[in-house]
């Protein structure tokens, strides 16, 4: 069990580091725009 917890920690830390990446931010922004467009239709 401890191995999977450590792996999850590494994944979460990796995700947080990726979110700071401008490329990631632009992807999330585009994704949110697509959702808003679908809701407005």
PDB file of N, CA and C in Angstrom:
ATOM      1  N   UNK A   1       0.827  -1.208   0.000  1.00  0.00           N
ATOM      2  CA  UNK A   1       0.000   0.000   0.000  1.00  0.00           C
ATOM      3  C   UNK A   1       0.863   1.260   0.000  1.00  0.00           C
ATOM      4  N   UNK A   2       1.957   1.231   0.736  1.00  0.00           N
ATOM      5  CA  UNK A   2       2.797   2.430   0.832  1.00  0.00           C
ATOM      6  C   UNK A   2       3.377   2.795  -0.533  1.00  0.00           C
ATOM      7  N   UNK A   3       3.637   1.778  -1.367  1.00  0.00           N
ATOM      8  CA  UNK A   3       4.193   2.052  -2.695  1.00  0.00           C
ATOM      9  C   UNK A   3       3.198   2.864  -3.538  1.00  0.00           C
ATOM     10  N   UNK A   4       1.923   2.465  -3.525  1.00  0.00           N
ATOM     11  CA  UNK A   4       0.939   3.184  -4.331  1.00  0.00           C
ATOM     12  C   UNK A   4       0.743   4.602  -3.799  1.00  0.00           C
ATOM     13  N   UNK A   5       0.796   4.778  -2.477  1.00  0.00           N
ATOM     14  CA  UNK A   5       0.650   6.123  -1.906  1.00  0.00           C
ATOM     15  C   UNK A   5       1.794   7.012  -2.377  1.00  0.00           C
ATOM     16  N   UNK A   6       3.005   6.472  -2.378  1.00  0.00           N
ATOM     17  CA  UNK A   6       4.163   7.254  -2.834  1.00  0.00           C
ATOM     18  C   UNK A   6       4.006   7.601  -4.315  1.00  0.00           C
ATOM     19  N   UNK A   7       3.516   6.646  -5.103  1.00  0.00           N
ATOM     20  CA  UNK A   7       3.319   6.907  -6.532  1.00  0.00           C
ATOM     21  C   UNK A   7       2.274   7.995  -6.732  1.00  0.00           C
ATOM     22  N   UNK A   8       1.195   7.945  -5.952  1.00  0.00           N
ATOM     23  CA  UNK A   8       0.153   8.966  -6.057  1.00  0.00           C
ATOM     24  C   UNK A   8       0.715  10.330  -5.701  1.00  0.00           C
ATOM     25  N   UNK A   9       1.536  10.387  -4.644  1.00  0.00           N
ATOM     26  CA  UNK A   9       2.156  11.662  -4.256  1.00  0.00           C
ATOM     27  C   UNK A   9       2.978  12.214  -5.409  1.00  0.00           C
ATOM     28  N   UNK A  10       3.774  11.353  -6.037  1.00  0.00           N
ATOM     29  CA  UNK A  10       4.613  11.792  -7.162  1.00  0.00           C
ATOM     30  C   UNK A  10       3.744  12.288  -8.308  1.00  0.00           C
ATOM     31  N   UNK A  11       2.633  11.596  -8.571  1.00  0.00           N
ATOM     32  CA  UNK A  11       1.743  12.015  -9.658  1.00  0.00           C
ATOM     33  C   UNK A  11       1.127  13.366  -9.351  1.00  0.00           C
ATOM     34  N   UNK A  12       0.668  13.558  -8.109  1.00  0.00           N
ATOM     35  CA  UNK A  12       0.047  14.830  -7.723  1.00  0.00           C
ATOM     36  C   UNK A  12       1.070  15.956  -7.814  1.00  0.00           C
ATOM     37  N   UNK A  13       2.288  15.708  -7.318  1.00  0.00           N
ATOM     38  CA  UNK A  13       3.342  16.726  -7.384  1.00  0.00           C
ATOM     39  C   UNK A  13       3.643  17.042  -8.850  1.00  0.00           C
ATOM     40  N   UNK A  14       3.700  16.008  -9.679  1.00  0.00           N
ATOM     41  CA  UNK A  14       3.947  16.216 -11.105  1.00  0.00           C
ATOM     42  C   UNK A  14       2.845  17.034 -11.751  1.00  0.00           C
ATOM     43  N   UNK A  15       1.587  16.764 -11.370  1.00  0.00           N
ATOM     44  CA  UNK A  15       0.461  17.523 -11.915  1.00  0.00           C
ATOM     45  C   UNK A  15       0.558  18.982 -11.511  1.00  0.00           C
ATOM     46  N   UNK A  16       0.872  19.245 -10.238  1.00  0.00           N
ATOM     47  CA  UNK A  16       0.989  20.623  -9.755  1.00  0.00           C
ATOM     48  C   UNK A  16       2.095  21.344 -10.519  1.00  0.00           C
ATOM     49  N   UNK A  17       3.221  20.665 -10.722  1.00  0.00           N
ATOM     50  CA  UNK A  17       4.319  21.266 -11.477  1.00  0.00           C
ATOM     51  C   UNK A  17       3.886  21.535 -12.912  1.00  0.00           C
ATOM     52  N   UNK A  18       3.079  20.644 -13.486  1.00  0.00           N
ATOM     53  CA  UNK A  18       2.619  20.813 -14.863  1.00  0.00           C
ATOM     54  C   UNK A  18       1.634  21.970 -14.968  1.00  0.00           C
ATOM     55  N   UNK A  19       0.789  22.142 -13.941  1.00  0.00           N
ATOM     56  CA  UNK A  19      -0.213  23.213 -13.963  1.00  0.00           C
ATOM     57  C   UNK A  19       0.482  24.575 -14.016  1.00  0.00           C
ATOM     58  N   UNK A  20       1.661  24.685 -13.416  1.00  0.00           N
ATOM     59  CA  UNK A  20       2.400  25.947 -13.464  1.00  0.00           C
ATOM     60  C   UNK A  20       2.932  26.220 -14.868  1.00  0.00           C
ATOM     61  N   UNK A  21       2.928  25.196 -15.708  1.00  0.00           N
ATOM     62  CA  UNK A  21       3.413  25.315 -17.081  1.00  0.00           C
ATOM     63  C   UNK A  21       2.377  26.072 -17.927  1.00  0.00           C
ATOM     64  N   UNK A  22       2.775  27.141 -18.627  1.00  0.00           N
ATOM     65  CA  UNK A  22       1.823  27.930 -19.433  1.00  0.00           C
ATOM     66  C   UNK A  22       1.065  27.086 -20.453  1.00  0.00           C
ATOM     67  N   UNK A  23       1.726  26.055 -20.996  1.00  0.00           N
ATOM     68  CA  UNK A  23       1.070  25.182 -21.978  1.00  0.00           C
ATOM     69  C   UNK A  23      -0.147  24.518 -21.349  1.00  0.00           C
ATOM     70  N   UNK A  24       0.009  24.035 -20.118  1.00  0.00           N
ATOM     71  CA  UNK A  24      -1.084  23.400 -19.374  1.00  0.00           C
ATOM     72  C   UNK A  24      -2.214  24.390 -19.157  1.00  0.00           C
ATOM     73  N   UNK A  25      -1.864  25.618 -18.739  1.00  0.00           N
ATOM     74  CA  UNK A  25      -2.876  26.641 -18.455  1.00  0.00           C
ATOM     75  C   UNK A  25      -3.683  26.929 -19.720  1.00  0.00           C
ATOM     76  N   UNK A  26      -3.007  27.049 -20.868  1.00  0.00           N
ATOM     77  CA  UNK A  26      -3.715  27.341 -22.116  1.00  0.00           C
ATOM     78  C   UNK A  26      -4.633  26.185 -22.498  1.00  0.00           C
ATOM     79  N   UNK A  27      -4.202  24.945 -22.242  1.00  0.00           N
ATOM     80  CA  UNK A  27      -5.045  23.782 -22.534  1.00  0.00           C
ATOM     81  C   UNK A  27      -6.315  23.819 -21.695  1.00  0.00           C
ATOM     82  N   UNK A  28      -6.170  24.110 -20.392  1.00  0.00           N
ATOM     83  CA  UNK A  28      -7.331  24.172 -19.494  1.00  0.00           C
ATOM     84  C   UNK A  28      -8.258  25.303 -19.938  1.00  0.00           C
ATOM     85  N   UNK A  29      -7.682  26.446 -20.306  1.00  0.00           N
ATOM     86  CA  UNK A  29      -8.470  27.607 -20.732  1.00  0.00           C
ATOM     87  C   UNK A  29      -9.291  27.265 -21.974  1.00  0.00           C
ATOM     88  N   UNK A  30      -8.648  26.620 -22.959  1.00  0.00           N
ATOM     89  CA  UNK A  30      -9.352  26.223 -24.184  1.00  0.00           C
ATOM     90  C   UNK A  30     -10.458  25.223 -23.861  1.00  0.00           C
ATOM     91  N   UNK A  31     -10.182  24.301 -22.942  1.00  0.00           N
ATOM     92  CA  UNK A  31     -11.164  23.291 -22.544  1.00  0.00           C
ATOM     93  C   UNK A  31     -12.390  23.960 -21.926  1.00  0.00           C
ATOM     94  N   UNK A  32     -12.161  24.949 -21.061  1.00  0.00           N
ATOM     95  CA  UNK A  32     -13.268  25.661 -20.424  1.00  0.00           C
ATOM     96  C   UNK A  32     -14.074  26.429 -21.467  1.00  0.00           C
ATOM     97  N   UNK A  33     -13.399  27.020 -22.458  1.00  0.00           N
ATOM     98  CA  UNK A  33     -14.116  27.750 -23.507  1.00  0.00           C
ATOM     99  C   UNK A  33     -15.035  26.806 -24.274  1.00  0.00           C
ATOM    100  N   UNK A  34     -14.562  25.607 -24.579  1.00  0.00           N
ATOM    101  CA  UNK A  34     -15.369  24.627 -25.315  1.00  0.00           C
ATOM    102  C   UNK A  34     -16.607  24.252 -24.506  1.00  0.00           C
ATOM    103  N   UNK A  35     -16.437  24.057 -23.198  1.00  0.00           N
ATOM    104  CA  UNK A  35     -17.575  23.707 -22.335  1.00  0.00           C
ATOM    105  C   UNK A  35     -18.595  24.848 -22.340  1.00  0.00           C
ATOM    106  N   UNK A  36     -18.135  26.093 -22.242  1.00  0.00           N
ATOM    107  CA  UNK A  36     -19.050  27.238 -22.226  1.00  0.00           C
ATOM    108  C   UNK A  36     -19.815  27.319 -23.538  1.00  0.00           C
ATOM    109  N   UNK A  37     -19.135  27.070 -24.659  1.00  0.00           N
ATOM    110  CA  UNK A  37     -19.802  27.118 -25.963  1.00  0.00           C
ATOM    111  C   UNK A  37     -20.887  26.055 -26.050  1.00  0.00           C
ATOM    112  N   UNK A  38     -20.608  24.855 -25.549  1.00  0.00           N
ATOM    113  CA  UNK A  38     -21.594  23.770 -25.594  1.00  0.00           C
ATOM    114  C   UNK A  38     -22.803  24.103 -24.721  1.00  0.00           C
ATOM    115  N   UNK A  39     -22.572  24.755 -23.579  1.00  0.00           N
ATOM    116  CA  UNK A  39     -23.681  25.092 -22.682  1.00  0.00           C
ATOM    117  C   UNK A  39     -24.560  26.177 -23.297  1.00  0.00           C
ATOM    118  N   UNK A  40     -23.966  27.123 -24.006  1.00  0.00           N
ATOM    119  CA  UNK A  40     -24.725  28.250 -24.555  1.00  0.00           C
ATOM    120  C   UNK A  40     -25.595  27.827 -25.740  1.00  0.00           C
ATOM    121  N   UNK A  41     -25.246  26.740 -26.410  1.00  0.00           N
ATOM    122  CA  UNK A  41     -26.026  26.289 -27.576  1.00  0.00           C
ATOM    123  C   UNK A  41     -27.371  25.706 -27.117  1.00  0.00           C
TER     124      UNK A  41
END
